[in-house]
Structures are given as structure tokens and as C-alpha cells.
N, C-alpha and C. Protein backbone atom coordinates (compact mmCIF):
# COMPACT_ATOMS: atom_id res chain seq x y z
N MET A 1 0.02 1.70 -35.02
CA MET A 1 -0.76 1.84 -33.81
C MET A 1 -0.26 0.80 -32.80
N ARG A 2 -0.09 1.23 -31.56
CA ARG A 2 0.37 0.34 -30.50
C ARG A 2 -0.82 -0.39 -29.88
N ARG A 3 -0.69 -1.70 -29.73
CA ARG A 3 -1.77 -2.48 -29.12
C ARG A 3 -1.72 -2.32 -27.61
N ARG A 4 -2.89 -2.29 -27.01
CA ARG A 4 -2.98 -2.19 -25.56
C ARG A 4 -2.72 -3.56 -24.95
N GLU A 5 -2.08 -3.54 -23.78
CA GLU A 5 -1.88 -4.78 -23.05
C GLU A 5 -3.17 -5.14 -22.32
N LEU A 6 -3.42 -6.42 -22.19
CA LEU A 6 -4.61 -6.86 -21.47
C LEU A 6 -4.42 -6.56 -19.98
N PRO A 7 -5.50 -6.20 -19.30
CA PRO A 7 -5.38 -5.93 -17.87
C PRO A 7 -5.16 -7.21 -17.09
N GLU A 8 -4.49 -7.09 -15.97
CA GLU A 8 -4.30 -8.23 -15.08
C GLU A 8 -5.57 -8.41 -14.28
N ILE A 9 -6.03 -9.63 -14.17
CA ILE A 9 -7.25 -9.92 -13.42
C ILE A 9 -6.91 -10.81 -12.24
N VAL A 10 -7.35 -10.40 -11.07
CA VAL A 10 -7.14 -11.18 -9.86
C VAL A 10 -8.50 -11.57 -9.31
N VAL A 11 -8.68 -12.84 -9.01
CA VAL A 11 -9.94 -13.33 -8.46
C VAL A 11 -9.66 -13.96 -7.10
N GLU A 12 -10.39 -13.51 -6.09
CA GLU A 12 -10.28 -14.10 -4.76
C GLU A 12 -11.65 -14.58 -4.34
N TYR A 13 -11.71 -15.79 -3.82
CA TYR A 13 -12.97 -16.32 -3.30
C TYR A 13 -12.91 -16.24 -1.78
N VAL A 14 -13.86 -15.52 -1.20
CA VAL A 14 -13.94 -15.38 0.24
C VAL A 14 -15.34 -15.77 0.66
N VAL A 15 -15.44 -16.69 1.60
CA VAL A 15 -16.74 -17.10 2.09
C VAL A 15 -16.89 -16.55 3.51
N VAL A 16 -17.86 -15.66 3.67
CA VAL A 16 -18.10 -15.02 4.96
C VAL A 16 -19.61 -14.94 5.13
N ASP A 17 -20.09 -15.25 6.33
CA ASP A 17 -21.53 -15.13 6.57
C ASP A 17 -21.79 -14.19 7.74
N GLY A 18 -23.05 -13.98 8.02
CA GLY A 18 -23.41 -13.09 9.12
C GLY A 18 -23.23 -11.63 8.73
N PRO A 19 -23.12 -10.74 9.72
CA PRO A 19 -22.99 -9.31 9.45
C PRO A 19 -21.75 -8.97 8.62
N GLU A 20 -20.65 -9.68 8.87
CA GLU A 20 -19.43 -9.43 8.08
C GLU A 20 -19.67 -9.81 6.62
N GLY A 21 -20.39 -10.89 6.40
CA GLY A 21 -20.71 -11.30 5.04
C GLY A 21 -21.60 -10.28 4.35
N ASP A 22 -22.55 -9.72 5.08
CA ASP A 22 -23.42 -8.69 4.50
C ASP A 22 -22.61 -7.46 4.09
N ARG A 23 -21.67 -7.05 4.96
CA ARG A 23 -20.84 -5.89 4.63
C ARG A 23 -19.96 -6.17 3.41
N LEU A 24 -19.41 -7.37 3.35
CA LEU A 24 -18.57 -7.75 2.20
C LEU A 24 -19.41 -7.75 0.92
N ALA A 25 -20.60 -8.29 0.98
CA ALA A 25 -21.47 -8.32 -0.20
C ALA A 25 -21.79 -6.90 -0.67
N MET A 26 -22.00 -5.98 0.27
CA MET A 26 -22.26 -4.59 -0.11
C MET A 26 -21.04 -3.96 -0.78
N ARG A 27 -19.86 -4.18 -0.20
CA ARG A 27 -18.63 -3.63 -0.81
C ARG A 27 -18.41 -4.21 -2.20
N GLN A 28 -18.64 -5.50 -2.35
CA GLN A 28 -18.45 -6.12 -3.66
C GLN A 28 -19.45 -5.57 -4.67
N GLY A 29 -20.69 -5.39 -4.24
CA GLY A 29 -21.70 -4.82 -5.13
C GLY A 29 -21.32 -3.42 -5.58
N GLU A 30 -20.81 -2.60 -4.66
CA GLU A 30 -20.38 -1.25 -5.00
C GLU A 30 -19.22 -1.29 -5.99
N ALA A 31 -18.26 -2.19 -5.76
CA ALA A 31 -17.10 -2.30 -6.65
C ALA A 31 -17.54 -2.73 -8.05
N ILE A 32 -18.45 -3.69 -8.11
CA ILE A 32 -18.93 -4.17 -9.41
C ILE A 32 -19.66 -3.06 -10.15
N ARG A 33 -20.51 -2.30 -9.44
CA ARG A 33 -21.21 -1.18 -10.07
C ARG A 33 -20.23 -0.14 -10.62
N GLU A 34 -19.17 0.16 -9.87
CA GLU A 34 -18.17 1.12 -10.33
C GLU A 34 -17.48 0.63 -11.59
N VAL A 35 -17.12 -0.65 -11.61
CA VAL A 35 -16.44 -1.21 -12.79
C VAL A 35 -17.38 -1.18 -13.99
N LEU A 36 -18.62 -1.58 -13.80
CA LEU A 36 -19.57 -1.59 -14.92
C LEU A 36 -19.81 -0.17 -15.44
N ALA A 37 -19.89 0.81 -14.55
CA ALA A 37 -20.08 2.19 -14.98
C ALA A 37 -18.86 2.66 -15.78
N TRP A 38 -17.66 2.31 -15.31
CA TRP A 38 -16.44 2.69 -16.03
C TRP A 38 -16.42 2.05 -17.41
N LEU A 39 -16.73 0.76 -17.48
CA LEU A 39 -16.74 0.06 -18.76
C LEU A 39 -17.75 0.67 -19.71
N HIS A 40 -18.92 1.03 -19.19
CA HIS A 40 -19.95 1.64 -20.03
C HIS A 40 -19.47 2.97 -20.58
N MET A 41 -18.90 3.80 -19.74
CA MET A 41 -18.42 5.11 -20.19
C MET A 41 -17.24 4.96 -21.15
N HIS A 42 -16.35 4.03 -20.87
CA HIS A 42 -15.19 3.81 -21.74
C HIS A 42 -15.65 3.33 -23.11
N HIS A 43 -16.61 2.43 -23.14
CA HIS A 43 -17.13 1.92 -24.41
C HIS A 43 -17.75 3.07 -25.20
N ARG A 44 -18.51 3.91 -24.53
CA ARG A 44 -19.14 5.05 -25.22
C ARG A 44 -18.07 6.00 -25.74
N TYR A 45 -16.98 6.21 -24.98
CA TYR A 45 -15.89 7.06 -25.42
C TYR A 45 -15.26 6.48 -26.67
N GLU A 46 -15.00 5.17 -26.67
CA GLU A 46 -14.41 4.51 -27.83
C GLU A 46 -15.31 4.65 -29.05
N GLU A 47 -16.61 4.47 -28.86
CA GLU A 47 -17.56 4.58 -29.97
C GLU A 47 -17.54 5.98 -30.56
N ARG A 48 -17.51 7.01 -29.70
CA ARG A 48 -17.53 8.40 -30.18
C ARG A 48 -16.24 8.76 -30.90
N ASN A 49 -15.13 8.16 -30.51
CA ASN A 49 -13.83 8.56 -31.05
C ASN A 49 -13.28 7.59 -32.09
N ARG A 50 -14.07 6.62 -32.49
CA ARG A 50 -13.63 5.68 -33.50
C ARG A 50 -13.64 6.38 -34.86
N GLU A 51 -12.64 6.07 -35.69
CA GLU A 51 -12.61 6.67 -37.02
C GLU A 51 -13.71 6.06 -37.87
N PRO A 52 -14.29 6.84 -38.75
CA PRO A 52 -15.35 6.31 -39.61
C PRO A 52 -14.82 5.20 -40.52
N GLU A 53 -15.70 4.25 -40.83
CA GLU A 53 -15.30 3.18 -41.73
C GLU A 53 -14.93 3.77 -43.08
N GLY A 54 -13.94 3.15 -43.71
CA GLY A 54 -13.53 3.62 -45.01
C GLY A 54 -12.42 4.65 -44.94
N SER A 55 -12.00 5.04 -43.73
CA SER A 55 -10.89 5.99 -43.65
C SER A 55 -9.62 5.25 -44.03
N ALA A 56 -8.60 5.97 -44.36
CA ALA A 56 -7.36 5.37 -44.87
C ALA A 56 -6.73 4.42 -43.86
N ASP A 57 -6.90 4.67 -42.56
CA ASP A 57 -6.24 3.85 -41.55
C ASP A 57 -7.07 2.68 -41.06
N SER A 58 -8.33 2.59 -41.44
CA SER A 58 -9.16 1.51 -40.91
C SER A 58 -9.42 0.46 -41.98
N PRO A 59 -9.34 -0.82 -41.60
CA PRO A 59 -9.62 -1.89 -42.56
C PRO A 59 -11.11 -1.93 -42.85
N PRO A 60 -11.50 -2.52 -44.00
CA PRO A 60 -12.94 -2.60 -44.31
C PRO A 60 -13.65 -3.49 -43.30
N HIS A 61 -14.91 -3.18 -43.03
CA HIS A 61 -15.73 -3.97 -42.12
C HIS A 61 -16.03 -5.30 -42.79
N PRO A 62 -15.94 -6.45 -42.05
CA PRO A 62 -16.14 -7.77 -42.66
C PRO A 62 -17.53 -7.96 -43.30
N SER A 63 -18.54 -7.21 -42.85
CA SER A 63 -19.87 -7.39 -43.44
C SER A 63 -20.17 -6.29 -44.45
N GLY A 64 -19.15 -5.51 -44.78
CA GLY A 64 -19.34 -4.41 -45.72
C GLY A 64 -19.39 -4.89 -47.17
N PRO A 65 -19.32 -3.98 -48.11
CA PRO A 65 -19.38 -4.34 -49.53
C PRO A 65 -18.31 -5.36 -49.91
N GLY A 66 -18.70 -6.30 -50.71
CA GLY A 66 -17.76 -7.32 -51.16
C GLY A 66 -17.59 -8.46 -50.19
N ALA A 67 -18.35 -8.46 -49.09
CA ALA A 67 -18.20 -9.55 -48.09
C ALA A 67 -19.00 -10.76 -48.53
């Protein structure tokens, strides 16, 4: 199985006040909501498509029998 590469993360700090700051805060809030929704759906997809424990390709769970 090929391991996924970690995503590149870019952080920018911008300090803006007044009406422009309000617009920026709204855009940032929308972007954060979109990312959180994507992460939630992706996590649910991974959970649904994960192979059951004990299959030939998956290692035993650390809290499973014999732990």
C-alpha cells in the first residue's frame, strides 16, 4: 500500500479592521466551514471503506485480543 503524502499547509496572518476586516472574517469563516465539512465527509468515507479488523491485510488492533 502506498502512503499518502502530507498536505502542504500555508498560514498567513493578516490584521485588518473595519468593514474590510469584517469581510475578511466572513470569507475566513466560510473557508473554515468548507474545510471542516470536507474533513467530516472524508472521515466518514474512510470509516465506511475501511477493511474489517482481522482481514488478511490489516494488522491486529492494539487493544484487541492478546493486548
